[in-house]
Amino acid sequence: MAAGLVFTAMLLAALALWTAIPLSWVYIASKVSDTQFPSSGPYAVVIIGILVSVVFVAWLIGRLNNLYVRITGTNRLQPMRPAWLRSMRDATPVQSSVTVVEAVLMGSVMLAAVALTVWFFLLAGSPIPNQ
C-alpha cells in the first residue's frame, strides 16, 4: 500500500511538470505585469520560475524513487502479463526493463496529452468569432 502511495505521489509530481508548473508561473507573471504589453520582466519571471520549479520537482521525484526502492527493494516494475498469454512452460519470470521513474514519466506525458486533447476539443471553445 505504501509503495502505491509513493508511486501515485511520483505520478502527480511528474504530471505537475507538464500542467501545474507552467500554468502557475504564467498566472503569476500575469499578476506581476501591469500592462498587456509587458517588458522582459514577466517573461523572466516565467522562465526562471519554471526552471527552478522543474529542478525542484525532479529532485522530489528522485527522492520519492529512493523511498520506493527502500519500500519494495527494487527499482523495476513487475511485468503485467495476463494468465491467458502465459505459456505452460513459462517457469522463469520475465525481467521487466521498465524502471519506476520511466513508467511515471511516460504515464505523466500520456495523461498530459489526454488533458490537452480534452481541453482543446471540448473546453477551449471556437477561435472563430461569432458575428
Protein backbone atom coordinates (compact mmCIF):
# COMPACT_ATOMS: atom_id res chain seq x y z
CA MET A 1 0.00 0.00 0.00
CA ALA A 2 2.83 2.40 0.86
CA ALA A 3 4.54 1.68 -2.46
CA GLY A 4 1.30 2.50 -4.27
CA LEU A 5 1.03 5.82 -2.45
CA VAL A 6 4.63 6.70 -3.29
CA PHE A 7 4.02 5.74 -6.94
CA THR A 8 0.90 7.93 -7.03
CA ALA A 9 2.79 10.85 -5.50
CA MET A 10 5.52 10.42 -8.12
CA LEU A 11 2.90 10.38 -10.89
CA LEU A 12 1.22 13.54 -9.61
CA ALA A 13 4.57 15.32 -9.28
CA ALA A 14 5.52 14.30 -12.82
CA LEU A 15 2.13 15.42 -14.15
CA ALA A 16 2.71 18.80 -12.50
CA LEU A 17 5.78 19.20 -14.72
CA TRP A 18 3.53 19.47 -17.78
CA THR A 19 0.47 21.17 -16.32
CA ALA A 20 0.53 22.94 -12.97
CA ILE A 21 4.03 24.41 -13.05
CA PRO A 22 3.81 26.22 -16.42
CA LEU A 23 0.23 27.38 -15.84
CA SER A 24 1.05 28.64 -12.35
CA TRP A 25 4.04 30.66 -13.50
CA VAL A 26 2.15 32.17 -16.42
CA TYR A 27 -0.60 33.18 -13.98
CA ILE A 28 1.95 34.66 -11.56
CA ALA A 29 3.59 36.62 -14.39
CA SER A 30 0.19 37.93 -15.49
CA LYS A 31 -0.33 39.31 -11.98
CA VAL A 32 3.17 40.86 -11.95
CA SER A 33 2.60 42.69 -15.22
CA ASP A 34 0.51 45.84 -15.16
CA THR A 35 0.01 46.11 -18.93
CA GLN A 36 -0.96 43.87 -21.82
CA PHE A 37 2.38 44.59 -23.50
CA PRO A 38 4.90 43.75 -20.77
CA SER A 39 8.63 44.23 -20.92
CA SER A 40 11.05 41.39 -20.28
CA GLY A 41 10.33 41.25 -16.51
CA PRO A 42 7.29 38.95 -16.57
CA TYR A 43 8.95 36.75 -19.19
CA ALA A 44 11.98 36.37 -16.93
CA VAL A 45 9.67 35.50 -14.02
CA VAL A 46 8.09 32.73 -16.11
CA ILE A 47 11.38 31.31 -17.39
CA ILE A 48 13.23 31.39 -14.08
CA GLY A 49 10.19 30.18 -12.13
CA ILE A 50 9.61 27.23 -14.43
CA LEU A 51 13.30 26.24 -14.39
CA VAL A 52 13.55 26.38 -10.60
CA SER A 53 10.23 24.54 -10.14
CA VAL A 54 11.15 21.79 -12.61
CA VAL A 55 14.52 21.22 -10.91
CA PHE A 56 12.79 21.03 -7.53
CA VAL A 57 10.13 18.59 -8.75
CA ALA A 58 12.79 16.43 -10.47
CA TRP A 59 14.68 16.32 -7.16
CA LEU A 60 11.43 15.39 -5.38
CA ILE A 61 10.73 12.59 -7.88
CA GLY A 62 14.25 11.26 -7.29
CA ARG A 63 13.71 11.26 -3.52
CA LEU A 64 10.36 9.52 -3.94
CA ASN A 65 12.05 6.95 -6.19
CA ASN A 66 14.62 6.27 -3.46
CA LEU A 67 11.76 5.81 -0.98
CA TYR A 68 10.03 3.42 -3.39
CA VAL A 69 13.23 1.38 -3.69
CA ARG A 70 13.56 1.22 0.11
CA ILE A 71 9.93 0.06 0.45
CA THR A 72 9.91 -2.54 -2.34
CA GLY A 73 13.58 -3.45 -2.61
CA THR A 74 13.62 -2.99 -6.39
CA ASN A 75 13.69 -0.24 -8.97
CA ARG A 76 11.80 -2.26 -11.60
CA LEU A 77 8.10 -2.74 -12.12
CA GLN A 78 6.72 -6.25 -12.21
CA PRO A 79 5.66 -7.37 -15.67
CA MET A 80 1.90 -7.42 -16.09
CA ARG A 81 1.24 -10.43 -18.29
CA PRO A 82 -2.27 -11.88 -18.30
CA ALA A 83 -2.58 -15.54 -17.37
CA TRP A 84 -4.03 -16.49 -20.74
CA LEU A 85 -0.89 -15.20 -22.50
CA ARG A 86 1.50 -17.30 -20.42
CA SER A 87 2.89 -20.48 -21.79
CA MET A 88 2.52 -23.76 -19.90
CA ARG A 89 6.34 -23.93 -19.96
CA ASP A 90 6.73 -20.36 -18.72
CA ALA A 91 8.51 -21.12 -15.46
CA THR A 92 11.01 -18.29 -15.25
CA PRO A 93 9.72 -14.80 -14.57
CA VAL A 94 10.38 -12.26 -17.30
CA GLN A 95 12.60 -9.40 -16.13
CA SER A 96 10.96 -6.08 -16.85
CA SER A 97 13.17 -3.44 -18.36
CA VAL A 98 10.97 -0.51 -17.28
CA THR A 99 12.01 1.32 -14.15
CA VAL A 100 9.55 3.09 -11.87
CA VAL A 101 10.74 6.57 -12.88
CA GLU A 102 10.40 5.70 -16.58
CA ALA A 103 6.85 4.44 -16.05
CA VAL A 104 5.94 7.53 -14.04
CA LEU A 105 7.27 9.94 -16.65
CA MET A 106 5.67 8.02 -19.54
CA GLY A 107 2.37 7.93 -17.66
CA SER A 108 2.51 11.64 -16.89
CA VAL A 109 3.17 12.51 -20.54
CA MET A 110 0.22 10.36 -21.63
CA LEU A 111 -2.07 11.94 -19.02
CA ALA A 112 -0.95 15.42 -20.06
CA ALA A 113 -1.63 14.57 -23.72
CA VAL A 114 -5.12 13.35 -22.83
CA ALA A 115 -5.77 16.50 -20.77
CA LEU A 116 -4.60 18.71 -23.64
CA THR A 117 -6.79 16.82 -26.12
CA VAL A 118 -9.87 17.08 -23.89
CA TRP A 119 -9.25 20.78 -23.31
CA PHE A 120 -8.62 21.52 -26.99
CA PHE A 121 -11.66 19.71 -28.37
CA LEU A 122 -14.19 20.11 -25.55
CA LEU A 123 -13.34 23.06 -23.32
CA ALA A 124 -11.41 25.66 -25.34
CA GLY A 125 -14.26 26.87 -27.49
CA SER A 126 -14.10 28.07 -31.05
CA PRO A 127 -11.38 30.53 -32.12
CA ILE A 128 -13.68 31.82 -34.87
CA PRO A 129 -15.51 34.97 -33.72
CA ASN A 130 -19.31 34.93 -33.77
CA GLN A 131 -20.77 37.65 -35.98
